[in-house]
PDB file of N, CA and C in Angstrom:
ATOM      1  N   UNK A   1       0.832  -1.201   0.000  1.00  0.00           N
ATOM      2  CA  UNK A   1       0.000   0.000   0.000  1.00  0.00           C
ATOM      3  C   UNK A   1       0.870   1.256   0.000  1.00  0.00           C
ATOM      4  N   UNK A   2       0.398   2.284  -0.670  1.00  0.00           N
ATOM      5  CA  UNK A   2       1.127   3.548  -0.730  1.00  0.00           C
ATOM      6  C   UNK A   2       0.797   4.479   0.432  1.00  0.00           C
ATOM      7  N   UNK A   3      -0.129   4.096   1.283  1.00  0.00           N
ATOM      8  CA  UNK A   3      -0.539   4.967   2.386  1.00  0.00           C
ATOM      9  C   UNK A   3       0.378   4.786   3.587  1.00  0.00           C
ATOM     10  N   UNK A   4       0.444   5.810   4.394  1.00  0.00           N
ATOM     11  CA  UNK A   4       1.256   5.813   5.620  1.00  0.00           C
ATOM     12  C   UNK A   4       0.830   4.641   6.508  1.00  0.00           C
ATOM     13  N   UNK A   5       1.775   3.843   7.018  1.00  0.00           N
ATOM     14  CA  UNK A   5       1.401   2.695   7.846  1.00  0.00           C
ATOM     15  C   UNK A   5       0.739   3.088   9.168  1.00  0.00           C
ATOM     16  N   UNK A   6       1.081   4.242   9.709  1.00  0.00           N
ATOM     17  CA  UNK A   6       0.428   4.729  10.927  1.00  0.00           C
ATOM     18  C   UNK A   6      -0.254   6.059  10.611  1.00  0.00           C
ATOM     19  N   UNK A   7      -1.537   6.031  10.286  1.00  0.00           N
ATOM     20  CA  UNK A   7      -2.231   7.252   9.869  1.00  0.00           C
ATOM     21  C   UNK A   7      -2.407   8.247  11.007  1.00  0.00           C
ATOM     22  N   UNK A   8      -2.580   9.501  10.630  1.00  0.00           N
ATOM     23  CA  UNK A   8      -2.888  10.558  11.598  1.00  0.00           C
ATOM     24  C   UNK A   8      -4.381  10.501  11.869  1.00  0.00           C
ATOM     25  N   UNK A   9      -4.757  10.559  13.121  1.00  0.00           N
ATOM     26  CA  UNK A   9      -6.162  10.509  13.503  1.00  0.00           C
ATOM     27  C   UNK A   9      -6.534  11.791  14.228  1.00  0.00           C
ATOM     28  N   UNK A  10      -7.738  12.278  13.977  1.00  0.00           N
ATOM     29  CA  UNK A  10      -8.210  13.506  14.609  1.00  0.00           C
ATOM     30  C   UNK A  10      -9.669  13.323  14.994  1.00  0.00           C
ATOM     31  N   UNK A  11      -9.989  13.576  16.243  1.00  0.00           N
ATOM     32  CA  UNK A  11     -11.365  13.477  16.736  1.00  0.00           C
ATOM     33  C   UNK A  11     -11.748  14.794  17.395  1.00  0.00           C
ATOM     34  N   UNK A  12     -12.514  15.636  16.698  1.00  0.00           N
ATOM     35  CA  UNK A  12     -12.900  16.923  17.287  1.00  0.00           C
ATOM     36  C   UNK A  12     -13.883  16.729  18.436  1.00  0.00           C
ATOM     37  N   UNK A  13     -13.931  17.716  19.312  1.00  0.00           N
ATOM     38  CA  UNK A  13     -14.869  17.677  20.435  1.00  0.00           C
ATOM     39  C   UNK A  13     -16.260  17.993  19.908  1.00  0.00           C
ATOM     40  N   UNK A  14     -17.231  17.162  20.259  1.00  0.00           N
ATOM     41  CA  UNK A  14     -18.599  17.364  19.803  1.00  0.00           C
ATOM     42  C   UNK A  14     -19.249  18.502  20.583  1.00  0.00           C
ATOM     43  N   UNK A  15     -19.953  19.388  19.871  1.00  0.00           N
ATOM     44  CA  UNK A  15     -20.625  20.527  20.493  1.00  0.00           C
ATOM     45  C   UNK A  15     -22.131  20.337  20.364  1.00  0.00           C
ATOM     46  N   UNK A  16     -22.781  19.855  21.419  1.00  0.00           N
ATOM     47  CA  UNK A  16     -24.230  19.631  21.414  1.00  0.00           C
ATOM     48  C   UNK A  16     -25.016  20.919  21.611  1.00  0.00           C
ATOM     49  N   UNK A  17     -24.380  21.964  22.140  1.00  0.00           N
ATOM     50  CA  UNK A  17     -25.073  23.212  22.466  1.00  0.00           C
ATOM     51  C   UNK A  17     -25.195  24.116  21.242  1.00  0.00           C
ATOM     52  N   UNK A  18     -24.116  24.261  20.471  1.00  0.00           N
ATOM     53  CA  UNK A  18     -24.098  25.176  19.338  1.00  0.00           C
ATOM     54  C   UNK A  18     -23.799  24.403  18.049  1.00  0.00           C
ATOM     55  N   UNK A  19     -24.827  24.083  17.254  1.00  0.00           N
ATOM     56  CA  UNK A  19     -24.609  23.286  16.045  1.00  0.00           C
ATOM     57  C   UNK A  19     -24.160  24.097  14.824  1.00  0.00           C
ATOM     58  N   UNK A  20     -23.805  25.362  15.014  1.00  0.00           N
ATOM     59  CA  UNK A  20     -23.434  26.203  13.873  1.00  0.00           C
ATOM     60  C   UNK A  20     -22.072  25.803  13.305  1.00  0.00           C
ATOM     61  N   UNK A  21     -21.765  26.367  12.147  1.00  0.00           N
ATOM     62  CA  UNK A  21     -20.495  26.067  11.468  1.00  0.00           C
ATOM     63  C   UNK A  21     -19.312  26.540  12.294  1.00  0.00           C
ATOM     64  N   UNK A  22     -18.182  25.882  12.108  1.00  0.00           N
ATOM     65  CA  UNK A  22     -16.971  26.252  12.842  1.00  0.00           C
ATOM     66  C   UNK A  22     -15.754  25.872  12.014  1.00  0.00           C
ATOM     67  N   UNK A  23     -14.646  26.515  12.318  1.00  0.00           N
ATOM     68  CA  UNK A  23     -13.376  26.170  11.685  1.00  0.00           C
ATOM     69  C   UNK A  23     -12.792  24.947  12.378  1.00  0.00           C
ATOM     70  N   UNK A  24     -12.235  24.056  11.600  1.00  0.00           N
ATOM     71  CA  UNK A  24     -11.549  22.883  12.142  1.00  0.00           C
ATOM     72  C   UNK A  24     -10.178  22.822  11.483  1.00  0.00           C
ATOM     73  N   UNK A  25      -9.134  22.760  12.288  1.00  0.00           N
ATOM     74  CA  UNK A  25      -7.772  22.658  11.781  1.00  0.00           C
ATOM     75  C   UNK A  25      -7.186  21.326  12.228  1.00  0.00           C
ATOM     76  N   UNK A  26      -6.672  20.575  11.283  1.00  0.00           N
ATOM     77  CA  UNK A  26      -6.071  19.278  11.580  1.00  0.00           C
ATOM     78  C   UNK A  26      -4.580  19.372  11.282  1.00  0.00           C
ATOM     79  N   UNK A  27      -3.763  19.166  12.280  1.00  0.00           N
ATOM     80  CA  UNK A  27      -2.314  19.211  12.096  1.00  0.00           C
ATOM     81  C   UNK A  27      -1.834  17.912  11.452  1.00  0.00           C
ATOM     82  N   UNK A  28      -0.970  18.040  10.461  1.00  0.00           N
ATOM     83  CA  UNK A  28      -0.381  16.867   9.816  1.00  0.00           C
ATOM     84  C   UNK A  28       1.019  16.583  10.335  1.00  0.00           C
ATOM     85  N   UNK A  29       1.443  17.338  11.334  1.00  0.00           N
ATOM     86  CA  UNK A  29       2.722  17.112  12.018  1.00  0.00           C
ATOM     87  C   UNK A  29       3.901  17.055  11.047  1.00  0.00           C
ATOM     88  N   UNK A  30       3.926  17.978  10.093  1.00  0.00           N
ATOM     89  CA  UNK A  30       5.010  18.112   9.112  1.00  0.00           C
ATOM     90  C   UNK A  30       5.191  16.900   8.202  1.00  0.00           C
ATOM     91  N   UNK A  31       4.171  16.060   8.082  1.00  0.00           N
ATOM     92  CA  UNK A  31       4.241  14.962   7.118  1.00  0.00           C
ATOM     93  C   UNK A  31       4.121  15.550   5.718  1.00  0.00           C
ATOM     94  N   UNK A  32       4.859  14.997   4.778  1.00  0.00           N
ATOM     95  CA  UNK A  32       4.787  15.439   3.387  1.00  0.00           C
ATOM     96  C   UNK A  32       4.017  14.401   2.587  1.00  0.00           C
ATOM     97  N   UNK A  33       3.242  14.879   1.600  1.00  0.00           N
ATOM     98  CA  UNK A  33       2.454  13.949   0.791  1.00  0.00           C
ATOM     99  C   UNK A  33       2.082  14.588  -0.535  1.00  0.00           C
ATOM    100  N   UNK A  34       1.787  13.750  -1.498  1.00  0.00           N
ATOM    101  CA  UNK A  34       1.249  14.230  -2.767  1.00  0.00           C
ATOM    102  C   UNK A  34      -0.254  13.967  -2.830  1.00  0.00           C
ATOM    103  N   UNK A  35      -0.769  13.196  -1.866  1.00  0.00           N
ATOM    104  CA  UNK A  35      -2.204  12.909  -1.792  1.00  0.00           C
ATOM    105  C   UNK A  35      -2.567  12.617  -0.344  1.00  0.00           C
ATOM    106  N   UNK A  36      -3.822  12.871   0.000  1.00  0.00           N
ATOM    107  CA  UNK A  36      -4.312  12.505   1.332  1.00  0.00           C
ATOM    108  C   UNK A  36      -5.621  11.742   1.183  1.00  0.00           C
ATOM    109  N   UNK A  37      -5.905  10.910   2.156  1.00  0.00           N
ATOM    110  CA  UNK A  37      -7.154  10.154   2.178  1.00  0.00           C
ATOM    111  C   UNK A  37      -7.872  10.526   3.468  1.00  0.00           C
ATOM    112  N   UNK A  38      -9.095  11.007   3.340  1.00  0.00           N
ATOM    113  CA  UNK A  38      -9.873  11.421   4.516  1.00  0.00           C
ATOM    114  C   UNK A  38     -11.091  10.517   4.661  1.00  0.00           C
ATOM    115  N   UNK A  39     -11.387  10.138   5.882  1.00  0.00           N
ATOM    116  CA  UNK A  39     -12.597   9.384   6.188  1.00  0.00           C
ATOM    117  C   UNK A  39     -13.357  10.170   7.241  1.00  0.00           C
ATOM    118  N   UNK A  40     -14.640  10.433   6.974  1.00  0.00           N
ATOM    119  CA  UNK A  40     -15.453  11.248   7.872  1.00  0.00           C
ATOM    120  C   UNK A  40     -16.591  10.410   8.440  1.00  0.00           C
ATOM    121  N   UNK A  41     -16.846  10.608   9.718  1.00  0.00           N
ATOM    122  CA  UNK A  41     -17.948   9.945  10.399  1.00  0.00           C
ATOM    123  C   UNK A  41     -18.747  11.019  11.113  1.00  0.00           C
ATOM    124  N   UNK A  42     -20.060  10.927  11.078  1.00  0.00           N
ATOM    125  CA  UNK A  42     -20.877  11.947  11.712  1.00  0.00           C
ATOM    126  C   UNK A  42     -22.112  11.315  12.328  1.00  0.00           C
ATOM    127  N   UNK A  43     -22.767  12.050  13.213  1.00  0.00           N
ATOM    128  CA  UNK A  43     -23.892  11.495  13.966  1.00  0.00           C
ATOM    129  C   UNK A  43     -25.200  12.225  13.677  1.00  0.00           C
ATOM    130  N   UNK A  44     -25.330  12.775  12.486  1.00  0.00           N
ATOM    131  CA  UNK A  44     -26.565  13.473  12.138  1.00  0.00           C
ATOM    132  C   UNK A  44     -27.003  13.033  10.747  1.00  0.00           C
ATOM    133  N   UNK A  45     -28.015  13.693  10.214  1.00  0.00           N
ATOM    134  CA  UNK A  45     -28.545  13.322   8.909  1.00  0.00           C
ATOM    135  C   UNK A  45     -27.604  13.732   7.783  1.00  0.00           C
ATOM    136  N   UNK A  46     -26.942  14.875   7.909  1.00  0.00           N
ATOM    137  CA  UNK A  46     -26.062  15.358   6.849  1.00  0.00           C
ATOM    138  C   UNK A  46     -24.848  16.073   7.423  1.00  0.00           C
ATOM    139  N   UNK A  47     -23.864  16.273   6.562  1.00  0.00           N
ATOM    140  CA  UNK A  47     -22.639  16.991   6.923  1.00  0.00           C
ATOM    141  C   UNK A  47     -22.269  17.868   5.725  1.00  0.00           C
ATOM    142  N   UNK A  48     -21.890  19.116   5.979  1.00  0.00           N
ATOM    143  CA  UNK A  48     -21.531  20.021   4.894  1.00  0.00           C
ATOM    144  C   UNK A  48     -20.088  20.489   5.056  1.00  0.00           C
ATOM    145  N   UNK A  49     -19.351  20.480   3.953  1.00  0.00           N
ATOM    146  CA  UNK A  49     -17.981  20.982   3.933  1.00  0.00           C
ATOM    147  C   UNK A  49     -17.943  22.208   3.033  1.00  0.00           C
ATOM    148  N   UNK A  50     -17.179  23.196   3.433  1.00  0.00           N
ATOM    149  CA  UNK A  50     -17.042  24.406   2.634  1.00  0.00           C
ATOM    150  C   UNK A  50     -15.651  24.984   2.832  1.00  0.00           C
ATOM    151  N   UNK A  51     -15.108  25.523   1.768  1.00  0.00           N
ATOM    152  CA  UNK A  51     -13.832  26.226   1.835  1.00  0.00           C
ATOM    153  C   UNK A  51     -12.728  25.380   2.465  1.00  0.00           C
ATOM    154  N   UNK A  52     -12.497  24.224   1.921  1.00  0.00           N
ATOM    155  CA  UNK A  52     -11.429  23.348   2.398  1.00  0.00           C
ATOM    156  C   UNK A  52     -10.113  23.815   1.787  1.00  0.00           C
ATOM    157  N   UNK A  53      -9.114  24.031   2.626  1.00  0.00           N
ATOM    158  CA  UNK A  53      -7.801  24.446   2.138  1.00  0.00           C
ATOM    159  C   UNK A  53      -6.723  23.555   2.738  1.00  0.00           C
ATOM    160  N   UNK A  54      -5.633  23.434   2.010  1.00  0.00           N
ATOM    161  CA  UNK A  54      -4.470  22.696   2.476  1.00  0.00           C
ATOM    162  C   UNK A  54      -3.302  23.659   2.457  1.00  0.00           C
ATOM    163  N   UNK A  55      -2.650  23.813   3.582  1.00  0.00           N
ATOM    164  CA  UNK A  55      -1.542  24.755   3.694  1.00  0.00           C
ATOM    165  C   UNK A  55      -0.270  24.003   4.053  1.00  0.00           C
ATOM    166  N   UNK A  56       0.819  24.406   3.428  1.00  0.00           N
ATOM    167  CA  UNK A  56       2.091  23.763   3.758  1.00  0.00           C
ATOM    168  C   UNK A  56       3.038  24.774   4.356  1.00  0.00           C
TER     169      UNK A  56
END
């Protein structure tokens, strides 16, 4: 497999009080890559993503 043998995992804190949009930043700990694979899990009917950026 071409993927990192030990993937980076990120679990944001769930906010039951305020369901509005928020910024989420995931640190890649200076890993370098030409591609990333993301898996998302959620506990509601839908999930919306907007303005996704990757910064190096």
